[in-house]
Amino acid sequence: MMEMTDMKPVISLLEQILNDRTVPKNIRKAAEDSKDVLSTNDSDEVRISTAIHILDEIINDPNMPMYTRTKIWNAVSILEEMRRLSKGT
């Protein structure tokens, strides 16, 4: 089972989004929700899948700055790799 420390790269990216006041509120809210989900005691698969779902819902927001979209794509990519690795073990 994955340890919480494995989530640090994703949480770091989400915190960068949360701390950027140029990012629209709804996008910061989705980043905060994803971060909260990753910090729960649910199974790894549930935490990762839920966080990916939340981020996927806002990825095409037209008000999102491109650099923020890139951070979200990076976070989703890391999460998908974690999900793939957790299923393989």
PDB file of N, CA and C in Angstrom:
ATOM      1  N   MET A   1       0.831  -1.186   0.000  1.00  0.00           N
ATOM      2  CA  MET A   1       0.000   0.000   0.000  1.00  0.00           C
ATOM      3  C   MET A   1       0.872   1.244   0.000  1.00  0.00           C
ATOM      4  N   MET A   2       0.457   2.280  -0.763  1.00  0.00           N
ATOM      5  CA  MET A   2       1.224   3.509  -0.850  1.00  0.00           C
ATOM      6  C   MET A   2       1.166   4.286   0.453  1.00  0.00           C
ATOM      7  N   GLU A   3       2.259   4.919   0.783  1.00  0.00           N
ATOM      8  CA  GLU A   3       2.288   5.753   1.965  1.00  0.00           C
ATOM      9  C   GLU A   3       1.930   7.174   1.573  1.00  0.00           C
ATOM     10  N   MET A   4       1.532   7.970   2.537  1.00  0.00           N
ATOM     11  CA  MET A   4       1.147   9.347   2.273  1.00  0.00           C
ATOM     12  C   MET A   4       2.301  10.139   1.665  1.00  0.00           C
ATOM     13  N   THR A   5       3.532   9.792   2.002  1.00  0.00           N
ATOM     14  CA  THR A   5       4.672  10.533   1.470  1.00  0.00           C
ATOM     15  C   THR A   5       4.720  10.435  -0.050  1.00  0.00           C
ATOM     16  N   ASP A   6       4.176   9.390  -0.625  1.00  0.00           N
ATOM     17  CA  ASP A   6       4.152   9.248  -2.073  1.00  0.00           C
ATOM     18  C   ASP A   6       3.269  10.303  -2.738  1.00  0.00           C
ATOM     19  N   MET A   7       2.370  10.902  -1.992  1.00  0.00           N
ATOM     20  CA  MET A   7       1.461  11.911  -2.533  1.00  0.00           C
ATOM     21  C   MET A   7       2.087  13.307  -2.538  1.00  0.00           C
ATOM     22  N   LYS A   8       3.259  13.461  -1.943  1.00  0.00           N
ATOM     23  CA  LYS A   8       3.869  14.785  -1.797  1.00  0.00           C
ATOM     24  C   LYS A   8       4.035  15.553  -3.111  1.00  0.00           C
ATOM     25  N   PRO A   9       4.483  14.919  -4.210  1.00  0.00           N
ATOM     26  CA  PRO A   9       4.620  15.706  -5.450  1.00  0.00           C
ATOM     27  C   PRO A   9       3.290  16.287  -5.938  1.00  0.00           C
ATOM     28  N   VAL A  10       2.228  15.515  -5.813  1.00  0.00           N
ATOM     29  CA  VAL A  10       0.919  15.979  -6.248  1.00  0.00           C
ATOM     30  C   VAL A  10       0.412  17.064  -5.311  1.00  0.00           C
ATOM     31  N   ILE A  11       0.543  16.839  -4.017  1.00  0.00           N
ATOM     32  CA  ILE A  11       0.085  17.826  -3.045  1.00  0.00           C
ATOM     33  C   ILE A  11       0.854  19.135  -3.216  1.00  0.00           C
ATOM     34  N   SER A  12       2.134  19.040  -3.517  1.00  0.00           N
ATOM     35  CA  SER A  12       2.939  20.239  -3.763  1.00  0.00           C
ATOM     36  C   SER A  12       2.403  21.022  -4.961  1.00  0.00           C
ATOM     37  N   LEU A  13       2.090  20.339  -6.048  1.00  0.00           N
ATOM     38  CA  LEU A  13       1.519  21.014  -7.219  1.00  0.00           C
ATOM     39  C   LEU A  13       0.174  21.661  -6.883  1.00  0.00           C
ATOM     40  N   LEU A  14      -0.651  20.954  -6.140  1.00  0.00           N
ATOM     41  CA  LEU A  14      -1.959  21.498  -5.765  1.00  0.00           C
ATOM     42  C   LEU A  14      -1.806  22.717  -4.855  1.00  0.00           C
ATOM     43  N   GLU A  15      -0.831  22.690  -3.958  1.00  0.00           N
ATOM     44  CA  GLU A  15      -0.592  23.835  -3.071  1.00  0.00           C
ATOM     45  C   GLU A  15      -0.108  25.049  -3.857  1.00  0.00           C
ATOM     46  N   GLN A  16       0.686  24.822  -4.908  1.00  0.00           N
ATOM     47  CA  GLN A  16       1.119  25.931  -5.764  1.00  0.00           C
ATOM     48  C   GLN A  16      -0.093  26.609  -6.404  1.00  0.00           C
ATOM     49  N   ILE A  17      -1.053  25.808  -6.836  1.00  0.00           N
ATOM     50  CA  ILE A  17      -2.274  26.358  -7.426  1.00  0.00           C
ATOM     51  C   ILE A  17      -3.079  27.111  -6.373  1.00  0.00           C
ATOM     52  N   LEU A  18      -3.195  26.507  -5.184  1.00  0.00           N
ATOM     53  CA  LEU A  18      -3.957  27.139  -4.103  1.00  0.00           C
ATOM     54  C   LEU A  18      -3.372  28.489  -3.688  1.00  0.00           C
ATOM     55  N   ASN A  19      -2.069  28.605  -3.727  1.00  0.00           N
ATOM     56  CA  ASN A  19      -1.403  29.831  -3.280  1.00  0.00           C
ATOM     57  C   ASN A  19      -1.282  30.887  -4.367  1.00  0.00           C
ATOM     58  N   ASP A  20      -1.723  30.587  -5.570  1.00  0.00           N
ATOM     59  CA  ASP A  20      -1.642  31.525  -6.691  1.00  0.00           C
ATOM     60  C   ASP A  20      -2.957  32.290  -6.791  1.00  0.00           C
ATOM     61  N   ARG A  21      -2.952  33.547  -6.408  1.00  0.00           N
ATOM     62  CA  ARG A  21      -4.178  34.354  -6.387  1.00  0.00           C
ATOM     63  C   ARG A  21      -4.641  34.771  -7.784  1.00  0.00           C
ATOM     64  N   THR A  22      -3.849  34.496  -8.818  1.00  0.00           N
ATOM     65  CA  THR A  22      -4.286  34.799 -10.185  1.00  0.00           C
ATOM     66  C   THR A  22      -5.164  33.673 -10.738  1.00  0.00           C
ATOM     67  N   VAL A  23      -5.217  32.553 -10.034  1.00  0.00           N
ATOM     68  CA  VAL A  23      -6.040  31.414 -10.460  1.00  0.00           C
ATOM     69  C   VAL A  23      -7.473  31.650  -9.983  1.00  0.00           C
ATOM     70  N   PRO A  24      -8.459  31.477 -10.858  1.00  0.00           N
ATOM     71  CA  PRO A  24      -9.867  31.665 -10.456  1.00  0.00           C
ATOM     72  C   PRO A  24     -10.257  30.782  -9.262  1.00  0.00           C
ATOM     73  N   LYS A  25     -11.217  31.299  -8.493  1.00  0.00           N
ATOM     74  CA  LYS A  25     -11.650  30.620  -7.265  1.00  0.00           C
ATOM     75  C   LYS A  25     -12.116  29.190  -7.495  1.00  0.00           C
ATOM     76  N   ASN A  26     -12.883  28.962  -8.560  1.00  0.00           N
ATOM     77  CA  ASN A  26     -13.424  27.612  -8.769  1.00  0.00           C
ATOM     78  C   ASN A  26     -12.305  26.607  -9.032  1.00  0.00           C
ATOM     79  N   ILE A  27     -11.236  27.045  -9.643  1.00  0.00           N
ATOM     80  CA  ILE A  27     -10.110  26.161  -9.925  1.00  0.00           C
ATOM     81  C   ILE A  27      -9.317  25.915  -8.638  1.00  0.00           C
ATOM     82  N   ARG A  28      -9.127  26.959  -7.833  1.00  0.00           N
ATOM     83  CA  ARG A  28      -8.460  26.775  -6.526  1.00  0.00           C
ATOM     84  C   ARG A  28      -9.288  25.850  -5.642  1.00  0.00           C
ATOM     85  N   LYS A  29     -10.624  25.975  -5.725  1.00  0.00           N
ATOM     86  CA  LYS A  29     -11.506  25.108  -4.936  1.00  0.00           C
ATOM     87  C   LYS A  29     -11.334  23.646  -5.346  1.00  0.00           C
ATOM     88  N   ALA A  30     -11.254  23.381  -6.638  1.00  0.00           N
ATOM     89  CA  ALA A  30     -11.054  22.006  -7.117  1.00  0.00           C
ATOM     90  C   ALA A  30      -9.694  21.478  -6.660  1.00  0.00           C
ATOM     91  N   ALA A  31      -8.671  22.326  -6.688  1.00  0.00           N
ATOM     92  CA  ALA A  31      -7.347  21.913  -6.213  1.00  0.00           C
ATOM     93  C   ALA A  31      -7.391  21.604  -4.722  1.00  0.00           C
ATOM     94  N   GLU A  32      -8.113  22.438  -3.972  1.00  0.00           N
ATOM     95  CA  GLU A  32      -8.243  22.203  -2.532  1.00  0.00           C
ATOM     96  C   GLU A  32      -9.015  20.914  -2.253  1.00  0.00           C
ATOM     97  N   ASP A  33     -10.091  20.689  -2.990  1.00  0.00           N
ATOM     98  CA  ASP A  33     -10.878  19.464  -2.819  1.00  0.00           C
ATOM     99  C   ASP A  33     -10.028  18.227  -3.121  1.00  0.00           C
ATOM    100  N   SER A  34      -9.243  18.300  -4.185  1.00  0.00           N
ATOM    101  CA  SER A  34      -8.370  17.174  -4.545  1.00  0.00           C
ATOM    102  C   SER A  34      -7.333  16.923  -3.459  1.00  0.00           C
ATOM    103  N   LYS A  35      -6.753  17.987  -2.952  1.00  0.00           N
ATOM    104  CA  LYS A  35      -5.755  17.860  -1.884  1.00  0.00           C
ATOM    105  C   LYS A  35      -6.388  17.225  -0.644  1.00  0.00           C
ATOM    106  N   ASP A  36      -7.595  17.671  -0.309  1.00  0.00           N
ATOM    107  CA  ASP A  36      -8.299  17.108   0.854  1.00  0.00           C
ATOM    108  C   ASP A  36      -8.575  15.616   0.664  1.00  0.00           C
ATOM    109  N   VAL A  37      -8.994  15.242  -0.531  1.00  0.00           N
ATOM    110  CA  VAL A  37      -9.288  13.829  -0.827  1.00  0.00           C
ATOM    111  C   VAL A  37      -8.021  12.991  -0.663  1.00  0.00           C
ATOM    112  N   LEU A  38      -6.902  13.506  -1.139  1.00  0.00           N
ATOM    113  CA  LEU A  38      -5.644  12.756  -1.055  1.00  0.00           C
ATOM    114  C   LEU A  38      -5.172  12.596   0.388  1.00  0.00           C
ATOM    115  N   SER A  39      -5.692  13.425   1.285  1.00  0.00           N
ATOM    116  CA  SER A  39      -5.283  13.377   2.688  1.00  0.00           C
ATOM    117  C   SER A  39      -6.205  12.520   3.561  1.00  0.00           C
ATOM    118  N   THR A  40      -7.219  11.910   2.955  1.00  0.00           N
ATOM    119  CA  THR A  40      -8.147  11.092   3.736  1.00  0.00           C
ATOM    120  C   THR A  40      -7.548   9.712   4.014  1.00  0.00           C
ATOM    121  N   ASN A  41      -8.276   8.926   4.786  1.00  0.00           N
ATOM    122  CA  ASN A  41      -7.837   7.569   5.123  1.00  0.00           C
ATOM    123  C   ASN A  41      -8.471   6.512   4.224  1.00  0.00           C
ATOM    124  N   ASP A  42      -9.089   6.952   3.130  1.00  0.00           N
ATOM    125  CA  ASP A  42      -9.678   5.993   2.192  1.00  0.00           C
ATOM    126  C   ASP A  42      -8.570   5.172   1.538  1.00  0.00           C
ATOM    127  N   SER A  43      -8.970   4.148   0.806  1.00  0.00           N
ATOM    128  CA  SER A  43      -7.977   3.335   0.102  1.00  0.00           C
ATOM    129  C   SER A  43      -7.280   4.199  -0.951  1.00  0.00           C
ATOM    130  N   ASP A  44      -6.071   3.779  -1.319  1.00  0.00           N
ATOM    131  CA  ASP A  44      -5.297   4.530  -2.312  1.00  0.00           C
ATOM    132  C   ASP A  44      -6.075   4.687  -3.608  1.00  0.00           C
ATOM    133  N   GLU A  45      -6.708   3.606  -4.053  1.00  0.00           N
ATOM    134  CA  GLU A  45      -7.440   3.646  -5.318  1.00  0.00           C
ATOM    135  C   GLU A  45      -8.570   4.666  -5.276  1.00  0.00           C
ATOM    136  N   VAL A  46      -9.298   4.714  -4.168  1.00  0.00           N
ATOM    137  CA  VAL A  46     -10.404   5.666  -4.030  1.00  0.00           C
ATOM    138  C   VAL A  46      -9.870   7.092  -3.998  1.00  0.00           C
ATOM    139  N   ARG A  47      -8.827   7.333  -3.226  1.00  0.00           N
ATOM    140  CA  ARG A  47      -8.262   8.690  -3.127  1.00  0.00           C
ATOM    141  C   ARG A  47      -7.764   9.169  -4.487  1.00  0.00           C
ATOM    142  N   ILE A  48      -7.009   8.328  -5.165  1.00  0.00           N
ATOM    143  CA  ILE A  48      -6.424   8.709  -6.452  1.00  0.00           C
ATOM    144  C   ILE A  48      -7.516   8.920  -7.498  1.00  0.00           C
ATOM    145  N   SER A  49      -8.458   7.997  -7.596  1.00  0.00           N
ATOM    146  CA  SER A  49      -9.523   8.102  -8.601  1.00  0.00           C
ATOM    147  C   SER A  49     -10.393   9.336  -8.365  1.00  0.00           C
ATOM    148  N   THR A  50     -10.708   9.613  -7.115  1.00  0.00           N
ATOM    149  CA  THR A  50     -11.530  10.780  -6.792  1.00  0.00           C
ATOM    150  C   THR A  50     -10.800  12.070  -7.137  1.00  0.00           C
ATOM    151  N   ALA A  51      -9.523  12.146  -6.786  1.00  0.00           N
ATOM    152  CA  ALA A  51      -8.743  13.346  -7.095  1.00  0.00           C
ATOM    153  C   ALA A  51      -8.641  13.553  -8.601  1.00  0.00           C
ATOM    154  N   ILE A  52      -8.408  12.491  -9.353  1.00  0.00           N
ATOM    155  CA  ILE A  52      -8.339  12.595 -10.817  1.00  0.00           C
ATOM    156  C   ILE A  52      -9.678  13.095 -11.366  1.00  0.00           C
ATOM    157  N   HIS A  53     -10.768  12.553 -10.849  1.00  0.00           N
ATOM    158  CA  HIS A  53     -12.097  12.960 -11.313  1.00  0.00           C
ATOM    159  C   HIS A  53     -12.327  14.453 -11.072  1.00  0.00           C
ATOM    160  N   ILE A  54     -11.993  14.934  -9.886  1.00  0.00           N
ATOM    161  CA  ILE A  54     -12.179  16.353  -9.555  1.00  0.00           C
ATOM    162  C   ILE A  54     -11.365  17.235 -10.499  1.00  0.00           C
ATOM    163  N   LEU A  55     -10.120  16.852 -10.732  1.00  0.00           N
ATOM    164  CA  LEU A  55      -9.254  17.656 -11.596  1.00  0.00           C
ATOM    165  C   LEU A  55      -9.691  17.585 -13.059  1.00  0.00           C
ATOM    166  N   ASP A  56     -10.151  16.418 -13.488  1.00  0.00           N
ATOM    167  CA  ASP A  56     -10.634  16.271 -14.870  1.00  0.00           C
ATOM    168  C   ASP A  56     -11.838  17.173 -15.150  1.00  0.00           C
ATOM    169  N   GLU A  57     -12.668  17.382 -14.133  1.00  0.00           N
ATOM    170  CA  GLU A  57     -13.866  18.198 -14.313  1.00  0.00           C
ATOM    171  C   GLU A  57     -13.548  19.653 -14.640  1.00  0.00           C
ATOM    172  N   ILE A  58     -12.406  20.165 -14.184  1.00  0.00           N
ATOM    173  CA  ILE A  58     -12.091  21.578 -14.385  1.00  0.00           C
ATOM    174  C   ILE A  58     -10.990  21.814 -15.413  1.00  0.00           C
ATOM    175  N   ILE A  59     -10.434  20.774 -15.962  1.00  0.00           N
ATOM    176  CA  ILE A  59      -9.261  20.921 -16.833  1.00  0.00           C
ATOM    177  C   ILE A  59      -9.546  21.779 -18.062  1.00  0.00           C
ATOM    178  N   ASN A  60     -10.773  21.791 -18.557  1.00  0.00           N
ATOM    179  CA  ASN A  60     -11.100  22.560 -19.757  1.00  0.00           C
ATOM    180  C   ASN A  60     -11.759  23.902 -19.466  1.00  0.00           C
ATOM    181  N   ASP A  61     -11.664  24.356 -18.238  1.00  0.00           N
ATOM    182  CA  ASP A  61     -12.224  25.664 -17.876  1.00  0.00           C
ATOM    183  C   ASP A  61     -11.542  26.752 -18.714  1.00  0.00           C
ATOM    184  N   PRO A  62     -12.308  27.544 -19.455  1.00  0.00           N
ATOM    185  CA  PRO A  62     -11.699  28.558 -20.324  1.00  0.00           C
ATOM    186  C   PRO A  62     -10.997  29.691 -19.561  1.00  0.00           C
ATOM    187  N   ASN A  63     -11.312  29.844 -18.289  1.00  0.00           N
ATOM    188  CA  ASN A  63     -10.693  30.908 -17.496  1.00  0.00           C
ATOM    189  C   ASN A  63      -9.383  30.491 -16.846  1.00  0.00           C
ATOM    190  N   MET A  64      -8.989  29.240 -17.050  1.00  0.00           N
ATOM    191  CA  MET A  64      -7.781  28.737 -16.405  1.00  0.00           C
ATOM    192  C   MET A  64      -6.531  29.220 -17.142  1.00  0.00           C
ATOM    193  N   PRO A  65      -5.589  29.813 -16.390  1.00  0.00           N
ATOM    194  CA  PRO A  65      -4.315  30.185 -17.026  1.00  0.00           C
ATOM    195  C   PRO A  65      -3.591  28.932 -17.524  1.00  0.00           C
ATOM    196  N   MET A  66      -2.887  29.056 -18.640  1.00  0.00           N
ATOM    197  CA  MET A  66      -2.225  27.903 -19.251  1.00  0.00           C
ATOM    198  C   MET A  66      -1.220  27.259 -18.292  1.00  0.00           C
ATOM    199  N   TYR A  67      -0.476  28.062 -17.529  1.00  0.00           N
ATOM    200  CA  TYR A  67       0.505  27.483 -16.604  1.00  0.00           C
ATOM    201  C   TYR A  67      -0.174  26.672 -15.502  1.00  0.00           C
ATOM    202  N   THR A  68      -1.385  27.054 -15.135  1.00  0.00           N
ATOM    203  CA  THR A  68      -2.142  26.284 -14.136  1.00  0.00           C
ATOM    204  C   THR A  68      -2.631  24.983 -14.756  1.00  0.00           C
ATOM    205  N   ARG A  69      -3.089  25.054 -15.995  1.00  0.00           N
ATOM    206  CA  ARG A  69      -3.538  23.841 -16.694  1.00  0.00           C
ATOM    207  C   ARG A  69      -2.386  22.836 -16.773  1.00  0.00           C
ATOM    208  N   THR A  70      -1.186  23.335 -17.044  1.00  0.00           N
ATOM    209  CA  THR A  70      -0.015  22.456 -17.114  1.00  0.00           C
ATOM    210  C   THR A  70       0.244  21.781 -15.771  1.00  0.00           C
ATOM    211  N   LYS A  71       0.118  22.537 -14.679  1.00  0.00           N
ATOM    212  CA  LYS A  71       0.302  21.951 -13.345  1.00  0.00           C
ATOM    213  C   LYS A  71      -0.739  20.873 -13.071  1.00  0.00           C
ATOM    214  N   ILE A  72      -1.973  21.127 -13.475  1.00  0.00           N
ATOM    215  CA  ILE A  72      -3.026  20.133 -13.256  1.00  0.00           C
ATOM    216  C   ILE A  72      -2.763  18.891 -14.101  1.00  0.00           C
ATOM    217  N   TRP A  73      -2.349  19.078 -15.349  1.00  0.00           N
ATOM    218  CA  TRP A  73      -2.000  17.918 -16.183  1.00  0.00           C
ATOM    219  C   TRP A  73      -0.875  17.118 -15.538  1.00  0.00           C
ATOM    220  N   ASN A  74       0.108  17.808 -14.989  1.00  0.00           N
ATOM    221  CA  ASN A  74       1.211  17.113 -14.310  1.00  0.00           C
ATOM    222  C   ASN A  74       0.703  16.330 -13.110  1.00  0.00           C
ATOM    223  N   ALA A  75      -0.165  16.944 -12.314  1.00  0.00           N
ATOM    224  CA  ALA A  75      -0.715  16.273 -11.135  1.00  0.00           C
ATOM    225  C   ALA A  75      -1.511  15.033 -11.549  1.00  0.00           C
ATOM    226  N   VAL A  76      -2.344  15.173 -12.570  1.00  0.00           N
ATOM    227  CA  VAL A  76      -3.151  14.039 -13.043  1.00  0.00           C
ATOM    228  C   VAL A  76      -2.243  12.934 -13.573  1.00  0.00           C
ATOM    229  N   SER A  77      -1.205  13.312 -14.291  1.00  0.00           N
ATOM    230  CA  SER A  77      -0.266  12.331 -14.826  1.00  0.00           C
ATOM    231  C   SER A  77       0.403  11.536 -13.706  1.00  0.00           C
ATOM    232  N   ILE A  78       0.831  12.233 -12.665  1.00  0.00           N
ATOM    233  CA  ILE A  78       1.455  11.566 -11.511  1.00  0.00           C
ATOM    234  C   ILE A  78       0.444  10.629 -10.842  1.00  0.00           C
ATOM    235  N   LEU A  79      -0.784  11.113 -10.668  1.00  0.00           N
ATOM    236  CA  LEU A  79      -1.817  10.294 -10.031  1.00  0.00           C
ATOM    237  C   LEU A  79      -2.141   9.057 -10.856  1.00  0.00           C
ATOM    238  N   GLU A  80      -2.216   9.223 -12.176  1.00  0.00           N
ATOM    239  CA  GLU A  80      -2.500   8.065 -13.030  1.00  0.00           C
ATOM    240  C   GLU A  80      -1.379   7.039 -12.959  1.00  0.00           C
ATOM    241  N   GLU A  81      -0.149   7.504 -12.874  1.00  0.00           N
ATOM    242  CA  GLU A  81       0.985   6.581 -12.726  1.00  0.00           C
ATOM    243  C   GLU A  81       0.904   5.858 -11.379  1.00  0.00           C
ATOM    244  N   MET A  82       0.541   6.580 -10.326  1.00  0.00           N
ATOM    245  CA  MET A  82       0.378   5.956  -9.004  1.00  0.00           C
ATOM    246  C   MET A  82      -0.712   4.899  -9.032  1.00  0.00           C
ATOM    247  N   ARG A  83      -1.810   5.235  -9.719  1.00  0.00           N
ATOM    248  CA  ARG A  83      -2.928   4.280  -9.808  1.00  0.00           C
ATOM    249  C   ARG A  83      -2.480   3.027 -10.570  1.00  0.00           C
ATOM    250  N   ARG A  84      -1.756   3.236 -11.656  1.00  0.00           N
ATOM    251  CA  ARG A  84      -1.264   2.107 -12.448  1.00  0.00           C
ATOM    252  C   ARG A  84      -0.319   1.224 -11.615  1.00  0.00           C
ATOM    253  N   LEU A  85       0.565   1.857 -10.854  1.00  0.00           N
ATOM    254  CA  LEU A  85       1.505   1.100 -10.020  1.00  0.00           C
ATOM    255  C   LEU A  85       0.804   0.371  -8.881  1.00  0.00           C
ATOM    256  N   SER A  86      -0.226   1.000  -8.308  1.00  0.00           N
ATOM    257  CA  SER A  86      -0.936   0.366  -7.189  1.00  0.00           C
ATOM    258  C   SER A  86      -1.741  -0.848  -7.662  1.00  0.00           C
ATOM    259  N   LYS A  87      -2.229  -0.806  -8.898  1.00  0.00           N
ATOM    260  CA  LYS A  87      -2.978  -1.944  -9.433  1.00  0.00           C
ATOM    261  C   LYS A  87      -2.036  -3.092  -9.803  1.00  0.00           C
ATOM    262  N   GLY A  88      -0.797  -2.749 -10.125  1.00  0.00           N
ATOM    263  CA  GLY A  88       0.161  -3.752 -10.532  1.00  0.00           C
ATOM    264  C   GLY A  88       0.764  -4.529  -9.380  1.00  0.00           C
ATOM    265  N   THR A  89       0.551  -4.041  -8.167  1.00  0.00           N
ATOM    266  CA  THR A  89       1.129  -4.723  -6.999  1.00  0.00           C
ATOM    267  C   THR A  89       0.106  -5.466  -6.219  1.00  0.00           C
TER     268      THR A  89
END
